[in-house]
Amino acid sequence: MKSKPLIIDTPSLQSIRLRFTSSILTLSLWVIWFYLWIPVVTLFGWWFQIETIQHEMVTMGGLQAFLNVLPTFLGITATIVFSQFLWALYNFMRFRGVDRRQPIDPVSLVDLKTTFAISDTGLNQIKKQKALTIKIDENDKIIVN
């Protein structure tokens, strides 16, 4: 017996605007991901062009400039790591042993009918649908076609 997947993946049911937004967000995050690899790519570039490393670091004084900036860089990095550690420790101490994730109670049909002013026939029509687009009017009432 095959179990149902936990994630519903039906992009064909998304609106054009939602698909466009999702695509732009995905593209942006891929660009950021590639940007994070620039130091590794630069390292390989330096590795295969040893003359460039020597020219930048020895002839142009890049090593001394790097050593001058290194304490500031290490200090900022240590501050960020320490603050993240403190934040994680704070959250661990505050929420240790507390499981606040509780399932939501199912909505009863009576609650649906009274909250959204749905008739019995409209509710039966909604229950029979496999895919449903819900339209809500200006009075927060569901419109059943």
N, C-alpha and C. Protein backbone atom coordinates (compact mmCIF):
# COMPACT_ATOMS: atom_id res chain seq x y z
N MET A 1 0.85 -1.18 0.00
CA MET A 1 0.00 0.00 0.00
C MET A 1 0.89 1.24 0.00
N LYS A 2 0.72 2.08 -0.98
CA LYS A 2 1.54 3.27 -1.13
C LYS A 2 0.93 4.42 -0.32
N SER A 3 1.75 5.05 0.51
CA SER A 3 1.24 6.16 1.32
C SER A 3 1.22 7.44 0.50
N LYS A 4 0.37 8.36 0.89
CA LYS A 4 0.25 9.63 0.19
C LYS A 4 1.44 10.51 0.58
N PRO A 5 1.96 11.31 -0.36
CA PRO A 5 3.05 12.21 -0.02
C PRO A 5 2.58 13.30 0.95
N LEU A 6 3.51 13.78 1.78
CA LEU A 6 3.16 14.79 2.77
C LEU A 6 2.99 16.17 2.13
N ILE A 7 3.65 16.41 1.00
CA ILE A 7 3.58 17.71 0.35
C ILE A 7 2.70 17.59 -0.88
N ILE A 8 1.74 18.48 -1.00
CA ILE A 8 0.88 18.51 -2.17
C ILE A 8 1.58 19.35 -3.23
N ASP A 9 1.93 18.74 -4.35
CA ASP A 9 2.67 19.42 -5.40
C ASP A 9 1.81 19.48 -6.65
N THR A 10 1.01 20.53 -6.77
CA THR A 10 0.18 20.71 -7.95
C THR A 10 0.32 22.15 -8.44
N PRO A 11 1.46 22.48 -9.07
CA PRO A 11 1.65 23.85 -9.54
C PRO A 11 0.65 24.26 -10.62
N SER A 12 0.03 23.29 -11.28
CA SER A 12 -0.94 23.64 -12.32
C SER A 12 -2.17 24.33 -11.73
N LEU A 13 -2.42 24.17 -10.45
CA LEU A 13 -3.57 24.81 -9.81
C LEU A 13 -3.25 26.22 -9.32
N GLN A 14 -1.98 26.63 -9.42
CA GLN A 14 -1.60 27.97 -8.96
C GLN A 14 -1.99 29.02 -10.00
N SER A 15 -2.24 30.22 -9.51
CA SER A 15 -2.53 31.32 -10.43
C SER A 15 -1.23 31.76 -11.11
N ILE A 16 -1.37 32.50 -12.20
CA ILE A 16 -0.20 32.99 -12.94
C ILE A 16 0.66 33.86 -12.03
N ARG A 17 0.03 34.72 -11.25
CA ARG A 17 0.77 35.62 -10.37
C ARG A 17 1.55 34.84 -9.32
N LEU A 18 0.94 33.80 -8.77
CA LEU A 18 1.62 32.99 -7.76
C LEU A 18 2.78 32.22 -8.38
N ARG A 19 2.60 31.68 -9.60
CA ARG A 19 3.70 30.98 -10.28
C ARG A 19 4.84 31.94 -10.61
N PHE A 20 4.50 33.14 -11.07
CA PHE A 20 5.52 34.13 -11.40
C PHE A 20 6.29 34.53 -10.15
N THR A 21 5.59 34.79 -9.06
CA THR A 21 6.24 35.16 -7.80
C THR A 21 7.14 34.03 -7.31
N SER A 22 6.66 32.82 -7.38
CA SER A 22 7.45 31.66 -6.96
C SER A 22 8.70 31.51 -7.82
N SER A 23 8.57 31.72 -9.12
CA SER A 23 9.72 31.62 -10.02
C SER A 23 10.75 32.70 -9.73
N ILE A 24 10.30 33.92 -9.51
CA ILE A 24 11.22 35.02 -9.21
C ILE A 24 11.93 34.76 -7.88
N LEU A 25 11.20 34.30 -6.88
CA LEU A 25 11.80 34.00 -5.59
C LEU A 25 12.83 32.88 -5.72
N THR A 26 12.49 31.83 -6.46
CA THR A 26 13.42 30.72 -6.67
C THR A 26 14.68 31.20 -7.39
N LEU A 27 14.52 32.00 -8.43
CA LEU A 27 15.67 32.53 -9.17
C LEU A 27 16.54 33.38 -8.26
N SER A 28 15.92 34.22 -7.44
CA SER A 28 16.68 35.08 -6.52
C SER A 28 17.49 34.25 -5.53
N LEU A 29 16.88 33.21 -4.99
CA LEU A 29 17.59 32.38 -4.02
C LEU A 29 18.72 31.58 -4.69
N TRP A 30 18.54 31.16 -5.95
CA TRP A 30 19.63 30.49 -6.66
C TRP A 30 20.79 31.46 -6.91
N VAL A 31 20.48 32.72 -7.23
CA VAL A 31 21.54 33.72 -7.43
C VAL A 31 22.31 33.92 -6.14
N ILE A 32 21.60 34.02 -5.02
CA ILE A 32 22.27 34.16 -3.73
C ILE A 32 23.13 32.94 -3.44
N TRP A 33 22.62 31.75 -3.74
CA TRP A 33 23.38 30.52 -3.51
C TRP A 33 24.67 30.52 -4.31
N PHE A 34 24.59 30.91 -5.59
CA PHE A 34 25.80 30.98 -6.41
C PHE A 34 26.75 32.05 -5.89
N TYR A 35 26.20 33.16 -5.41
CA TYR A 35 27.03 34.24 -4.86
C TYR A 35 27.83 33.75 -3.65
N LEU A 36 27.26 32.87 -2.86
CA LEU A 36 27.96 32.35 -1.69
C LEU A 36 29.15 31.46 -2.08
N TRP A 37 29.17 30.95 -3.30
CA TRP A 37 30.27 30.11 -3.76
C TRP A 37 31.43 30.93 -4.32
N ILE A 38 31.32 32.25 -4.42
CA ILE A 38 32.37 33.07 -5.00
C ILE A 38 33.72 32.89 -4.30
N PRO A 39 33.80 32.82 -2.96
CA PRO A 39 35.12 32.61 -2.35
C PRO A 39 35.77 31.29 -2.76
N VAL A 40 35.00 30.24 -2.91
CA VAL A 40 35.56 28.95 -3.32
C VAL A 40 36.04 29.03 -4.77
N VAL A 41 35.25 29.65 -5.63
CA VAL A 41 35.65 29.82 -7.03
C VAL A 41 36.92 30.68 -7.11
N THR A 42 36.98 31.73 -6.32
CA THR A 42 38.16 32.58 -6.29
C THR A 42 39.38 31.80 -5.81
N LEU A 43 39.21 30.96 -4.81
CA LEU A 43 40.32 30.14 -4.32
C LEU A 43 40.85 29.23 -5.42
N PHE A 44 39.95 28.59 -6.16
CA PHE A 44 40.41 27.74 -7.27
C PHE A 44 41.09 28.58 -8.35
N GLY A 45 40.57 29.77 -8.59
CA GLY A 45 41.23 30.66 -9.56
C GLY A 45 42.63 31.02 -9.12
N TRP A 46 42.78 31.32 -7.87
CA TRP A 46 44.11 31.62 -7.35
C TRP A 46 45.02 30.40 -7.41
N TRP A 47 44.44 29.25 -7.13
CA TRP A 47 45.21 28.03 -7.10
C TRP A 47 45.82 27.73 -8.48
N PHE A 48 45.04 27.92 -9.53
CA PHE A 48 45.51 27.60 -10.87
C PHE A 48 46.31 28.74 -11.51
N GLN A 49 46.31 29.91 -10.89
CA GLN A 49 47.10 31.03 -11.42
C GLN A 49 47.97 31.56 -10.30
N ILE A 50 49.00 30.82 -9.99
CA ILE A 50 49.84 31.13 -8.84
C ILE A 50 50.55 32.48 -8.99
N GLU A 51 50.82 32.89 -10.25
CA GLU A 51 51.46 34.19 -10.45
C GLU A 51 50.56 35.33 -9.97
N THR A 52 49.27 35.18 -10.17
CA THR A 52 48.33 36.21 -9.74
C THR A 52 48.33 36.34 -8.21
N ILE A 53 48.39 35.21 -7.51
CA ILE A 53 48.45 35.26 -6.05
C ILE A 53 49.72 35.97 -5.61
N GLN A 54 50.83 35.59 -6.20
CA GLN A 54 52.09 36.22 -5.81
C GLN A 54 52.07 37.71 -6.12
N HIS A 55 51.51 38.08 -7.28
CA HIS A 55 51.47 39.49 -7.65
C HIS A 55 50.59 40.29 -6.67
N GLU A 56 49.41 39.76 -6.36
CA GLU A 56 48.50 40.48 -5.47
C GLU A 56 48.98 40.49 -4.02
N MET A 57 49.46 39.37 -3.54
CA MET A 57 49.77 39.25 -2.12
C MET A 57 51.19 39.73 -1.78
N VAL A 58 52.14 39.51 -2.65
CA VAL A 58 53.53 39.86 -2.32
C VAL A 58 53.93 41.17 -2.96
N THR A 59 53.80 41.27 -4.28
CA THR A 59 54.26 42.48 -4.98
C THR A 59 53.41 43.69 -4.62
N MET A 60 52.09 43.53 -4.61
CA MET A 60 51.20 44.67 -4.35
C MET A 60 50.93 44.88 -2.86
N GLY A 61 51.46 44.03 -2.00
CA GLY A 61 51.28 44.21 -0.56
C GLY A 61 49.93 43.74 -0.06
N GLY A 62 49.29 42.84 -0.76
CA GLY A 62 47.97 42.35 -0.36
C GLY A 62 48.00 41.55 0.92
N LEU A 63 49.12 40.86 1.17
CA LEU A 63 49.22 40.08 2.40
C LEU A 63 49.17 40.99 3.62
N GLN A 64 49.90 42.10 3.55
CA GLN A 64 49.91 43.03 4.68
C GLN A 64 48.52 43.66 4.87
N ALA A 65 47.86 44.00 3.76
CA ALA A 65 46.50 44.55 3.86
C ALA A 65 45.55 43.52 4.47
N PHE A 66 45.70 42.26 4.06
CA PHE A 66 44.87 41.19 4.62
C PHE A 66 45.13 41.04 6.11
N LEU A 67 46.41 41.05 6.52
CA LEU A 67 46.74 40.91 7.93
C LEU A 67 46.26 42.10 8.75
N ASN A 68 46.21 43.28 8.14
CA ASN A 68 45.70 44.46 8.84
C ASN A 68 44.19 44.36 9.09
N VAL A 69 43.47 43.76 8.15
CA VAL A 69 42.02 43.65 8.25
C VAL A 69 41.60 42.40 9.02
N LEU A 70 42.50 41.42 9.13
CA LEU A 70 42.16 40.13 9.73
C LEU A 70 41.60 40.24 11.16
N PRO A 71 42.19 41.03 12.07
CA PRO A 71 41.60 41.12 13.42
C PRO A 71 40.16 41.65 13.42
N THR A 72 39.89 42.64 12.58
CA THR A 72 38.53 43.18 12.50
C THR A 72 37.58 42.11 11.96
N PHE A 73 38.00 41.41 10.92
CA PHE A 73 37.19 40.36 10.33
C PHE A 73 36.90 39.25 11.35
N LEU A 74 37.94 38.82 12.06
CA LEU A 74 37.76 37.76 13.06
C LEU A 74 36.88 38.23 14.22
N GLY A 75 37.03 39.49 14.60
CA GLY A 75 36.20 40.05 15.67
C GLY A 75 34.74 40.09 15.29
N ILE A 76 34.45 40.55 14.07
CA ILE A 76 33.06 40.61 13.60
C ILE A 76 32.49 39.21 13.48
N THR A 77 33.28 38.29 12.93
CA THR A 77 32.82 36.90 12.79
C THR A 77 32.55 36.29 14.16
N ALA A 78 33.44 36.50 15.11
CA ALA A 78 33.26 35.96 16.46
C ALA A 78 32.02 36.56 17.13
N THR A 79 31.79 37.86 16.91
CA THR A 79 30.61 38.51 17.47
C THR A 79 29.32 37.91 16.91
N ILE A 80 29.30 37.70 15.61
CA ILE A 80 28.11 37.11 14.98
C ILE A 80 27.89 35.69 15.49
N VAL A 81 28.95 34.89 15.53
CA VAL A 81 28.81 33.50 16.00
C VAL A 81 28.36 33.48 17.46
N PHE A 82 28.96 34.34 18.28
CA PHE A 82 28.60 34.38 19.70
C PHE A 82 27.15 34.83 19.89
N SER A 83 26.72 35.84 19.14
CA SER A 83 25.33 36.30 19.28
C SER A 83 24.35 35.21 18.82
N GLN A 84 24.68 34.49 17.76
CA GLN A 84 23.83 33.39 17.32
C GLN A 84 23.78 32.28 18.37
N PHE A 85 24.92 32.01 18.98
CA PHE A 85 24.98 31.01 20.04
C PHE A 85 24.11 31.44 21.23
N LEU A 86 24.21 32.70 21.63
CA LEU A 86 23.39 33.19 22.74
C LEU A 86 21.91 33.11 22.41
N TRP A 87 21.54 33.45 21.17
CA TRP A 87 20.14 33.39 20.77
C TRP A 87 19.63 31.95 20.80
N ALA A 88 20.43 31.01 20.30
CA ALA A 88 20.04 29.60 20.31
C ALA A 88 19.93 29.10 21.75
N LEU A 89 20.87 29.50 22.61
CA LEU A 89 20.83 29.08 24.01
C LEU A 89 19.60 29.65 24.71
N TYR A 90 19.30 30.91 24.46
CA TYR A 90 18.11 31.55 25.03
C TYR A 90 16.85 30.79 24.63
N ASN A 91 16.71 30.49 23.32
CA ASN A 91 15.53 29.77 22.84
C ASN A 91 15.48 28.36 23.41
N PHE A 92 16.63 27.72 23.54
CA PHE A 92 16.66 26.38 24.11
C PHE A 92 16.20 26.40 25.56
N MET A 93 16.70 27.36 26.33
CA MET A 93 16.33 27.45 27.74
C MET A 93 14.85 27.84 27.89
N ARG A 94 14.37 28.71 27.03
CA ARG A 94 13.00 29.19 27.15
C ARG A 94 11.98 28.13 26.74
N PHE A 95 12.25 27.40 25.68
CA PHE A 95 11.27 26.46 25.13
C PHE A 95 11.63 25.00 25.39
N ARG A 96 12.58 24.73 26.25
CA ARG A 96 12.99 23.35 26.53
C ARG A 96 11.82 22.59 27.14
N GLY A 97 11.50 21.46 26.54
CA GLY A 97 10.45 20.61 27.06
C GLY A 97 9.04 21.09 26.77
N VAL A 98 8.88 22.20 26.06
CA VAL A 98 7.57 22.73 25.76
C VAL A 98 7.26 22.46 24.29
N ASP A 99 6.22 21.72 24.05
CA ASP A 99 5.80 21.47 22.68
C ASP A 99 4.54 22.27 22.43
N ARG A 100 4.70 23.43 21.80
CA ARG A 100 3.56 24.31 21.56
C ARG A 100 2.84 23.97 20.27
N ARG A 101 3.37 23.04 19.52
CA ARG A 101 2.74 22.69 18.24
C ARG A 101 1.62 21.70 18.50
N GLN A 102 0.43 22.18 18.44
CA GLN A 102 -0.75 21.35 18.68
C GLN A 102 -1.58 21.33 17.40
N PRO A 103 -2.19 20.19 17.11
CA PRO A 103 -3.03 20.15 15.91
C PRO A 103 -4.27 21.03 16.10
N ILE A 104 -4.72 21.59 15.01
CA ILE A 104 -5.91 22.43 15.04
C ILE A 104 -7.14 21.53 15.05
N ASP A 105 -8.11 21.89 15.86
CA ASP A 105 -9.35 21.13 15.90
C ASP A 105 -10.04 21.22 14.55
N PRO A 106 -10.63 20.12 14.10
CA PRO A 106 -11.33 20.17 12.82
C PRO A 106 -12.54 21.11 12.90
N VAL A 107 -12.79 21.76 11.79
CA VAL A 107 -13.92 22.69 11.73
C VAL A 107 -15.18 21.88 11.45
N SER A 108 -16.18 22.12 12.25
CA SER A 108 -17.43 21.38 12.06
C SER A 108 -18.23 22.02 10.91
N LEU A 109 -19.12 21.23 10.36
CA LEU A 109 -19.96 21.73 9.27
C LEU A 109 -20.88 22.83 9.76
N VAL A 110 -21.32 22.73 11.00
CA VAL A 110 -22.20 23.77 11.57
C VAL A 110 -21.45 25.10 11.65
N ASP A 111 -20.18 25.03 12.10
CA ASP A 111 -19.37 26.26 12.17
C ASP A 111 -19.17 26.87 10.79
N LEU A 112 -18.92 26.03 9.78
CA LEU A 112 -18.76 26.53 8.42
C LEU A 112 -20.04 27.22 7.94
N LYS A 113 -21.15 26.57 8.18
CA LYS A 113 -22.43 27.13 7.71
C LYS A 113 -22.73 28.46 8.40
N THR A 114 -22.49 28.55 9.70
CA THR A 114 -22.83 29.79 10.40
C THR A 114 -21.83 30.90 10.13
N THR A 115 -20.56 30.58 10.05
CA THR A 115 -19.54 31.62 9.85
C THR A 115 -19.64 32.23 8.47
N PHE A 116 -19.83 31.40 7.45
CA PHE A 116 -19.82 31.89 6.08
C PHE A 116 -21.20 31.93 5.43
N ALA A 117 -22.24 31.68 6.20
CA ALA A 117 -23.63 31.74 5.72
C ALA A 117 -23.81 30.88 4.47
N ILE A 118 -23.45 29.61 4.59
CA ILE A 118 -23.58 28.67 3.49
C ILE A 118 -24.85 27.85 3.70
N SER A 119 -25.60 27.65 2.64
CA SER A 119 -26.81 26.83 2.73
C SER A 119 -26.42 25.35 2.72
N ASP A 120 -27.37 24.50 3.06
CA ASP A 120 -27.11 23.06 3.06
C ASP A 120 -26.76 22.57 1.66
N THR A 121 -27.48 23.07 0.66
CA THR A 121 -27.17 22.65 -0.73
C THR A 121 -25.79 23.14 -1.15
N GLY A 122 -25.45 24.36 -0.78
CA GLY A 122 -24.12 24.89 -1.11
C GLY A 122 -23.02 24.10 -0.42
N LEU A 123 -23.24 23.70 0.81
CA LEU A 123 -22.25 22.92 1.55
C LEU A 123 -22.09 21.53 0.92
N ASN A 124 -23.20 20.92 0.52
CA ASN A 124 -23.11 19.62 -0.15
C ASN A 124 -22.38 19.74 -1.48
N GLN A 125 -22.62 20.83 -2.19
CA GLN A 125 -21.94 21.06 -3.47
C GLN A 125 -20.43 21.23 -3.24
N ILE A 126 -20.06 21.94 -2.21
CA ILE A 126 -18.65 22.14 -1.89
C ILE A 126 -17.98 20.83 -1.52
N LYS A 127 -18.66 20.01 -0.72
CA LYS A 127 -18.08 18.74 -0.27
C LYS A 127 -17.83 17.77 -1.42
N LYS A 128 -18.61 17.87 -2.51
CA LYS A 128 -18.47 16.95 -3.64
C LYS A 128 -17.29 17.33 -4.55
N GLN A 129 -16.80 18.55 -4.47
CA GLN A 129 -15.75 19.02 -5.37
C GLN A 129 -14.39 18.45 -4.97
N LYS A 130 -13.58 18.08 -5.99
CA LYS A 130 -12.21 17.64 -5.72
C LYS A 130 -11.26 18.85 -5.72
N ALA A 131 -11.50 19.78 -6.62
CA ALA A 131 -10.72 21.02 -6.67
C ALA A 131 -11.73 22.16 -6.62
N LEU A 132 -11.45 23.15 -5.80
CA LEU A 132 -12.45 24.18 -5.56
C LEU A 132 -11.78 25.54 -5.48
N THR A 133 -12.34 26.50 -6.17
CA THR A 133 -11.91 27.89 -6.05
C THR A 133 -12.95 28.60 -5.20
N ILE A 134 -12.53 29.16 -4.10
CA ILE A 134 -13.45 29.80 -3.17
C ILE A 134 -13.45 31.30 -3.44
N LYS A 135 -14.62 31.85 -3.61
CA LYS A 135 -14.77 33.29 -3.77
C LYS A 135 -15.51 33.81 -2.54
N ILE A 136 -15.00 34.91 -1.99
CA ILE A 136 -15.60 35.50 -0.80
C ILE A 136 -16.04 36.91 -1.15
N ASP A 137 -17.28 37.25 -0.81
CA ASP A 137 -17.79 38.58 -1.13
C ASP A 137 -17.31 39.60 -0.10
N GLU A 138 -17.75 40.84 -0.26
CA GLU A 138 -17.31 41.92 0.62
C GLU A 138 -17.80 41.77 2.06
N ASN A 139 -18.78 40.90 2.30
CA ASN A 139 -19.29 40.65 3.64
C ASN A 139 -18.68 39.41 4.26
N ASP A 140 -17.58 38.92 3.69
CA ASP A 140 -16.87 37.71 4.17
C ASP A 140 -17.74 36.46 4.10
N LYS A 141 -18.59 36.37 3.11
CA LYS A 141 -19.42 35.21 2.90
C LYS A 141 -18.96 34.48 1.64
N ILE A 142 -18.96 33.15 1.70
CA ILE A 142 -18.53 32.35 0.56
C ILE A 142 -19.61 32.35 -0.50
N ILE A 143 -19.18 32.55 -1.75
CA ILE A 143 -20.10 32.51 -2.89
C ILE A 143 -19.98 31.14 -3.52
N VAL A 144 -21.07 30.41 -3.55
CA VAL A 144 -21.10 29.07 -4.16
C VAL A 144 -21.73 29.19 -5.52
N ASN A 145 -21.02 28.73 -6.56
CA ASN A 145 -21.55 28.80 -7.93
C ASN A 145 -22.44 27.63 -8.22
